[in-house]
């Protein structure tokens, strides 16, 4: 019956619950299990932190059509000044002025709403150094302006 008893022991049938097991859990397995759990928890916390931080970043408040986006182009000796006629600033414009500095000569030209919404003006320069400054005053808002400079290549 000794063989029978070994089989019963091997199957764990005659175990006394108060008796310690012949095979105790090795500390190495327990330590590895704890390490895996800690690593998982740390990774989960870092991922949650990154997600929350990414979601809390401020969204740029300026809409894409907010800027005047001045551009100047030289065509057949004239300067063509253009701006973003779809800019939100222009939709509520009360008045506007275009200041042109051409060499030593400076002139401020008031623009009506129609000219402002046309999005461009043509200017015949006197010198090779011309600066434009477009200033817009919206209803109930602060003045906004944009500037650009056009330099002509020296003649040879």
C-alpha atoms as a PDB file:
ATOM      1  CA  UNK A   1       0.000   0.000   0.000  1.00  0.00           C
ATOM      2  CA  UNK A   2       2.980   2.155   0.130  1.00  0.00           C
ATOM      3  CA  UNK A   3       2.697   2.738  -3.594  1.00  0.00           C
ATOM      4  CA  UNK A   4      -0.883   3.672  -3.160  1.00  0.00           C
ATOM      5  CA  UNK A   5       0.003   6.180  -0.489  1.00  0.00           C
ATOM      6  CA  UNK A   6       2.618   7.823  -2.717  1.00  0.00           C
ATOM      7  CA  UNK A   7       0.079   8.259  -5.457  1.00  0.00           C
ATOM      8  CA  UNK A   8      -2.369   9.799  -2.983  1.00  0.00           C
ATOM      9  CA  UNK A   9       0.339  12.134  -1.712  1.00  0.00           C
ATOM     10  CA  UNK A  10       1.279  13.035  -5.211  1.00  0.00           C
ATOM     11  CA  UNK A  11      -2.337  13.869  -5.961  1.00  0.00           C
ATOM     12  CA  UNK A  12      -2.642  15.787  -2.723  1.00  0.00           C
ATOM     13  CA  UNK A  13      -5.516  13.655  -1.472  1.00  0.00           C
ATOM     14  CA  UNK A  14      -4.249  12.868   2.010  1.00  0.00           C
ATOM     15  CA  UNK A  15      -2.950  16.325   2.792  1.00  0.00           C
ATOM     16  CA  UNK A  16      -3.593  17.748   6.182  1.00  0.00           C
ATOM     17  CA  UNK A  17      -4.630  21.417   5.793  1.00  0.00           C
ATOM     18  CA  UNK A  18      -2.679  22.246   8.971  1.00  0.00           C
ATOM     19  CA  UNK A  19       0.467  20.593   7.704  1.00  0.00           C
ATOM     20  CA  UNK A  20       2.853  22.770   5.675  1.00  0.00           C
ATOM     21  CA  UNK A  21       3.246  21.870   2.072  1.00  0.00           C
ATOM     22  CA  UNK A  22       6.281  20.012   0.926  1.00  0.00           C
ATOM     23  CA  UNK A  23       6.534  22.419  -1.967  1.00  0.00           C
ATOM     24  CA  UNK A  24       6.477  25.990  -0.763  1.00  0.00           C
ATOM     25  CA  UNK A  25       6.279  28.862  -3.241  1.00  0.00           C
ATOM     26  CA  UNK A  26       9.771  29.987  -4.018  1.00  0.00           C
ATOM     27  CA  UNK A  27      10.596  33.602  -3.098  1.00  0.00           C
ATOM     28  CA  UNK A  28      11.941  34.135  -6.619  1.00  0.00           C
ATOM     29  CA  UNK A  29       8.556  33.551  -8.248  1.00  0.00           C
ATOM     30  CA  UNK A  30       6.832  35.752  -5.708  1.00  0.00           C
ATOM     31  CA  UNK A  31       9.349  38.562  -6.255  1.00  0.00           C
ATOM     32  CA  UNK A  32       8.977  38.304 -10.033  1.00  0.00           C
ATOM     33  CA  UNK A  33       5.205  38.469  -9.740  1.00  0.00           C
ATOM     34  CA  UNK A  34       5.408  41.582  -7.587  1.00  0.00           C
ATOM     35  CA  UNK A  35       7.842  43.188 -10.000  1.00  0.00           C
ATOM     36  CA  UNK A  36       5.514  42.560 -12.941  1.00  0.00           C
ATOM     37  CA  UNK A  37       2.577  44.060 -11.029  1.00  0.00           C
ATOM     38  CA  UNK A  38       4.604  47.168 -10.057  1.00  0.00           C
ATOM     39  CA  UNK A  39       5.867  47.668 -13.603  1.00  0.00           C
ATOM     40  CA  UNK A  40       2.301  47.374 -14.934  1.00  0.00           C
ATOM     41  CA  UNK A  41       1.021  49.891 -12.390  1.00  0.00           C
ATOM     42  CA  UNK A  42       3.801  52.374 -13.157  1.00  0.00           C
ATOM     43  CA  UNK A  43       3.195  52.105 -16.906  1.00  0.00           C
ATOM     44  CA  UNK A  44      -0.563  52.571 -16.369  1.00  0.00           C
ATOM     45  CA  UNK A  45      -0.022  55.693 -14.227  1.00  0.00           C
ATOM     46  CA  UNK A  46       2.409  57.194 -16.758  1.00  0.00           C
ATOM     47  CA  UNK A  47      -0.023  56.547 -19.623  1.00  0.00           C
ATOM     48  CA  UNK A  48      -2.905  58.131 -17.708  1.00  0.00           C
ATOM     49  CA  UNK A  49      -0.736  61.161 -16.856  1.00  0.00           C
ATOM     50  CA  UNK A  50       0.285  61.596 -20.510  1.00  0.00           C
ATOM     51  CA  UNK A  51      -3.323  61.287 -21.694  1.00  0.00           C
ATOM     52  CA  UNK A  52      -4.597  63.845 -19.177  1.00  0.00           C
ATOM     53  CA  UNK A  53      -1.778  66.250 -19.985  1.00  0.00           C
ATOM     54  CA  UNK A  54      -2.394  65.994 -23.739  1.00  0.00           C
ATOM     55  CA  UNK A  55      -6.126  66.615 -23.288  1.00  0.00           C
ATOM     56  CA  UNK A  56      -5.543  69.672 -21.089  1.00  0.00           C
ATOM     57  CA  UNK A  57      -3.328  71.587 -23.528  1.00  0.00           C
ATOM     58  CA  UNK A  58      -4.895  74.867 -24.636  1.00  0.00           C
ATOM     59  CA  UNK A  59      -6.185  75.069 -28.191  1.00  0.00           C
ATOM     60  CA  UNK A  60      -4.942  78.079 -30.166  1.00  0.00           C
ATOM     61  CA  UNK A  61      -7.605  80.751 -29.871  1.00  0.00           C
ATOM     62  CA  UNK A  62      -6.917  82.632 -33.106  1.00  0.00           C
ATOM     63  CA  UNK A  63      -8.966  81.332 -36.018  1.00  0.00           C
ATOM     64  CA  UNK A  64      -7.108  80.705 -39.273  1.00  0.00           C
ATOM     65  CA  UNK A  65      -8.674  83.798 -40.925  1.00  0.00           C
ATOM     66  CA  UNK A  66      -7.713  86.206 -38.133  1.00  0.00           C
ATOM     67  CA  UNK A  67      -4.518  87.566 -39.706  1.00  0.00           C
ATOM     68  CA  UNK A  68      -4.375  90.224 -42.398  1.00  0.00           C
ATOM     69  CA  UNK A  69      -1.510  88.377 -44.169  1.00  0.00           C
ATOM     70  CA  UNK A  70      -0.093  91.287 -46.172  1.00  0.00           C
ATOM     71  CA  UNK A  71       1.761  90.398 -49.374  1.00  0.00           C
ATOM     72  CA  UNK A  72       3.372  92.636 -51.964  1.00  0.00           C
ATOM     73  CA  UNK A  73       4.245  91.798 -55.540  1.00  0.00           C
ATOM     74  CA  UNK A  74       5.979  93.873 -58.219  1.00  0.00           C
ATOM     75  CA  UNK A  75       4.176  93.722 -61.576  1.00  0.00           C
ATOM     76  CA  UNK A  76       5.342  95.849 -64.532  1.00  0.00           C
ATOM     77  CA  UNK A  77       6.952  98.443 -62.266  1.00  0.00           C
ATOM     78  CA  UNK A  78       3.938  98.735 -59.955  1.00  0.00           C
ATOM     79  CA  UNK A  79       3.455  97.284 -56.509  1.00  0.00           C
ATOM     80  CA  UNK A  80       0.347  95.210 -55.862  1.00  0.00           C
ATOM     81  CA  UNK A  81      -0.442  94.999 -52.158  1.00  0.00           C
ATOM     82  CA  UNK A  82      -2.851  92.236 -51.154  1.00  0.00           C
ATOM     83  CA  UNK A  83      -4.294  91.100 -47.819  1.00  0.00           C
ATOM     84  CA  UNK A  84      -6.585  88.386 -46.545  1.00  0.00           C
ATOM     85  CA  UNK A  85      -9.991  89.786 -47.444  1.00  0.00           C
ATOM     86  CA  UNK A  86     -11.630  86.879 -45.544  1.00  0.00           C
ATOM     87  CA  UNK A  87     -10.001  87.899 -42.241  1.00  0.00           C
ATOM     88  CA  UNK A  88     -12.524  88.010 -39.395  1.00  0.00           C
ATOM     89  CA  UNK A  89     -11.146  91.420 -38.472  1.00  0.00           C
ATOM     90  CA  UNK A  90     -12.393  92.886 -41.757  1.00  0.00           C
ATOM     91  CA  UNK A  91     -15.948  91.593 -41.308  1.00  0.00           C
ATOM     92  CA  UNK A  92     -16.465  93.963 -38.360  1.00  0.00           C
ATOM     93  CA  UNK A  93     -14.311  96.817 -39.669  1.00  0.00           C
ATOM     94  CA  UNK A  94     -15.473 100.326 -38.850  1.00  0.00           C
ATOM     95  CA  UNK A  95     -12.691 102.023 -40.790  1.00  0.00           C
ATOM     96  CA  UNK A  96      -9.191 101.412 -42.103  1.00  0.00           C
ATOM     97  CA  UNK A  97      -6.151 103.350 -43.247  1.00  0.00           C
ATOM     98  CA  UNK A  98      -3.237 102.418 -45.459  1.00  0.00           C
ATOM     99  CA  UNK A  99      -0.004 104.249 -44.708  1.00  0.00           C
ATOM    100  CA  UNK A 100       2.584 104.226 -47.491  1.00  0.00           C
ATOM    101  CA  UNK A 101       6.170 105.281 -46.849  1.00  0.00           C
ATOM    102  CA  UNK A 102       7.980 105.668 -50.173  1.00  0.00           C
ATOM    103  CA  UNK A 103      11.515 106.909 -49.595  1.00  0.00           C
ATOM    104  CA  UNK A 104      11.137 110.236 -47.731  1.00  0.00           C
ATOM    105  CA  UNK A 105       7.474 110.614 -48.723  1.00  0.00           C
ATOM    106  CA  UNK A 106       4.769 109.261 -46.349  1.00  0.00           C
ATOM    107  CA  UNK A 107       1.053 109.305 -47.023  1.00  0.00           C
ATOM    108  CA  UNK A 108      -1.939 107.891 -45.153  1.00  0.00           C
ATOM    109  CA  UNK A 109      -4.886 106.873 -47.308  1.00  0.00           C
ATOM    110  CA  UNK A 110      -8.261 106.119 -45.717  1.00  0.00           C
ATOM    111  CA  UNK A 111      -9.890 102.994 -47.145  1.00  0.00           C
ATOM    112  CA  UNK A 112     -13.632 102.576 -47.315  1.00  0.00           C
ATOM    113  CA  UNK A 113     -15.243  99.239 -46.532  1.00  0.00           C
ATOM    114  CA  UNK A 114     -15.529  98.343 -50.235  1.00  0.00           C
ATOM    115  CA  UNK A 115     -11.811  98.940 -50.847  1.00  0.00           C
ATOM    116  CA  UNK A 116     -10.918  97.036 -47.699  1.00  0.00           C
ATOM    117  CA  UNK A 117     -13.013  94.049 -48.680  1.00  0.00           C
ATOM    118  CA  UNK A 118     -11.587  94.072 -52.226  1.00  0.00           C
ATOM    119  CA  UNK A 119      -8.351  92.782 -50.738  1.00  0.00           C
ATOM    120  CA  UNK A 120      -5.802  94.706 -52.808  1.00  0.00           C
ATOM    121  CA  UNK A 121      -4.451  98.046 -54.014  1.00  0.00           C
ATOM    122  CA  UNK A 122      -2.030  98.935 -56.791  1.00  0.00           C
ATOM    123  CA  UNK A 123       0.689 101.516 -56.116  1.00  0.00           C
ATOM    124  CA  UNK A 124       3.170 103.209 -58.465  1.00  0.00           C
ATOM    125  CA  UNK A 125       6.390 103.539 -56.405  1.00  0.00           C
ATOM    126  CA  UNK A 126       8.584 106.641 -56.471  1.00  0.00           C
ATOM    127  CA  UNK A 127      11.652 104.889 -55.029  1.00  0.00           C
ATOM    128  CA  UNK A 128      12.979 101.365 -54.547  1.00  0.00           C
ATOM    129  CA  UNK A 129      12.107 101.344 -50.827  1.00  0.00           C
ATOM    130  CA  UNK A 130       8.371 101.251 -50.060  1.00  0.00           C
ATOM    131  CA  UNK A 131       6.687 100.253 -46.792  1.00  0.00           C
ATOM    132  CA  UNK A 132       2.974  99.583 -46.363  1.00  0.00           C
ATOM    133  CA  UNK A 133       1.063  99.566 -43.082  1.00  0.00           C
ATOM    134  CA  UNK A 134      -2.598  98.549 -43.027  1.00  0.00           C
ATOM    135  CA  UNK A 135      -4.461  99.545 -39.867  1.00  0.00           C
ATOM    136  CA  UNK A 136      -8.008  98.341 -39.237  1.00  0.00           C
ATOM    137  CA  UNK A 137     -10.372  99.558 -36.528  1.00  0.00           C
ATOM    138  CA  UNK A 138     -13.214  97.110 -35.854  1.00  0.00           C
ATOM    139  CA  UNK A 139     -16.451  98.097 -34.158  1.00  0.00           C
ATOM    140  CA  UNK A 140     -15.908  98.025 -30.406  1.00  0.00           C
ATOM    141  CA  UNK A 141     -12.440  96.529 -30.743  1.00  0.00           C
ATOM    142  CA  UNK A 142      -8.796  97.447 -30.592  1.00  0.00           C
ATOM    143  CA  UNK A 143      -6.884  98.606 -33.622  1.00  0.00           C
ATOM    144  CA  UNK A 144      -4.993  95.926 -35.507  1.00  0.00           C
ATOM    145  CA  UNK A 145      -2.293  96.470 -38.057  1.00  0.00           C
ATOM    146  CA  UNK A 146       0.137  94.674 -40.319  1.00  0.00           C
ATOM    147  CA  UNK A 147       3.178  95.961 -42.184  1.00  0.00           C
ATOM    148  CA  UNK A 148       5.299  94.885 -45.119  1.00  0.00           C
ATOM    149  CA  UNK A 149       8.262  96.392 -46.971  1.00  0.00           C
ATOM    150  CA  UNK A 150       9.152  96.140 -50.661  1.00  0.00           C
ATOM    151  CA  UNK A 151      12.724  96.777 -51.766  1.00  0.00           C
ATOM    152  CA  UNK A 152      13.735  97.037 -55.404  1.00  0.00           C
ATOM    153  CA  UNK A 153      16.989  95.523 -56.531  1.00  0.00           C
ATOM    154  CA  UNK A 154      19.566  98.206 -57.348  1.00  0.00           C
ATOM    155  CA  UNK A 155      19.820  98.990 -61.075  1.00  0.00           C
ATOM    156  CA  UNK A 156      23.091  98.221 -62.777  1.00  0.00           C
END
